[in-house]
Protein backbone atom coordinates (compact mmCIF):
# COMPACT_ATOMS: atom_id res chain seq x y z
CA MET A 1 0.00 0.00 0.00
CA GLY A 2 2.86 2.42 0.71
CA ILE A 3 5.49 3.47 3.22
CA ALA A 4 5.15 4.95 6.68
CA LEU A 5 6.07 8.64 6.52
CA ASP A 6 8.21 8.46 9.65
CA ASP A 7 10.16 5.52 8.20
CA LEU A 8 10.65 7.47 4.98
CA MET A 9 12.12 10.45 6.84
CA VAL A 10 14.47 8.25 8.86
CA LYS A 11 15.56 6.26 5.79
CA THR A 12 16.32 9.45 3.88
CA GLY A 13 18.60 10.65 6.66
CA VAL A 14 16.61 13.35 8.44
CA SER A 15 18.50 14.06 11.66
CA HIS A 16 16.44 14.46 14.83
CA PRO A 17 13.13 14.10 12.97
CA GLU A 18 11.12 14.97 16.08
CA GLN A 19 12.60 18.49 16.00
CA HIS A 20 11.17 19.37 12.58
CA ILE A 21 7.90 20.20 10.92
CA TYR A 22 7.05 18.78 7.51
CA ILE A 23 5.35 20.45 4.56
CA LEU A 24 3.78 18.03 2.12
CA LYS A 25 3.38 19.59 -1.33
CA GLY A 26 1.18 18.32 -4.13
CA VAL A 27 1.72 18.82 -7.84
CA ASP A 28 -1.27 21.20 -7.89
CA GLY A 29 0.26 23.49 -5.26
CA TYR A 30 -1.87 22.16 -2.41
CA GLU A 31 0.18 21.75 0.74
CA LYS A 32 -0.24 20.88 4.39
CA THR A 33 2.11 21.24 7.34
CA VAL A 34 2.34 18.45 9.90
CA THR A 35 4.37 17.60 12.98
CA TRP A 36 6.55 14.59 13.67
CA GLU A 37 3.74 13.14 15.79
CA ASN A 38 1.49 13.32 12.72
CA MET A 39 4.19 11.79 10.53
CA LYS A 40 4.34 8.81 12.89
CA ASN A 41 0.67 8.18 12.05
CA GLY A 42 1.03 8.88 8.34
CA LEU A 43 1.41 6.84 5.20
CA LEU A 44 2.64 7.73 1.72
CA THR A 45 0.74 5.53 -0.71
CA LYS A 46 2.12 4.13 -3.95
CA GLY A 47 -0.13 6.69 -5.65
CA ARG A 48 1.85 9.47 -3.85
CA GLU A 49 -0.99 10.45 -1.50
CA SER A 50 -0.57 11.13 2.20
CA ILE A 51 -2.98 9.48 4.60
CA PHE A 52 -3.01 10.35 8.31
CA LEU A 53 -4.89 8.34 10.91
CA ASP A 54 -4.95 11.24 13.37
CA LEU A 55 -5.90 14.15 11.09
CA PRO A 56 -8.91 15.21 9.00
CA LYS A 57 -9.05 14.16 5.35
CA ALA A 58 -8.01 17.69 4.36
CA PHE A 59 -4.47 16.60 5.24
CA ASN A 60 -4.51 13.91 2.55
CA VAL A 61 -2.31 15.60 -0.04
CA LYS A 62 -2.52 13.97 -3.47
CA ASN A 63 0.28 13.62 -6.02
CA ILE A 64 3.01 14.64 -3.58
CA VAL A 65 6.05 16.04 -5.34
CA GLU A 66 7.98 17.26 -2.31
CA ILE A 67 8.19 16.88 1.45
CA GLU A 68 9.97 19.91 2.85
CA VAL A 69 11.68 19.48 6.21
CA LYS A 70 11.88 22.64 8.33
């Protein structure tokens, strides 16, 4: 189905992931900002959509092209 967003951040080498916020950006310009706690409950699907178990559906960004780490 996809990859856990927290695993993705760790596997890509984000240092101290709990100290950052994450901006998920879709190809259409839609974006949402989430915390590390949200990322631990999030999934990036094979279709490049974010799904969060702890957030409203408005946080499901489709066709993600970038995850900015701040």
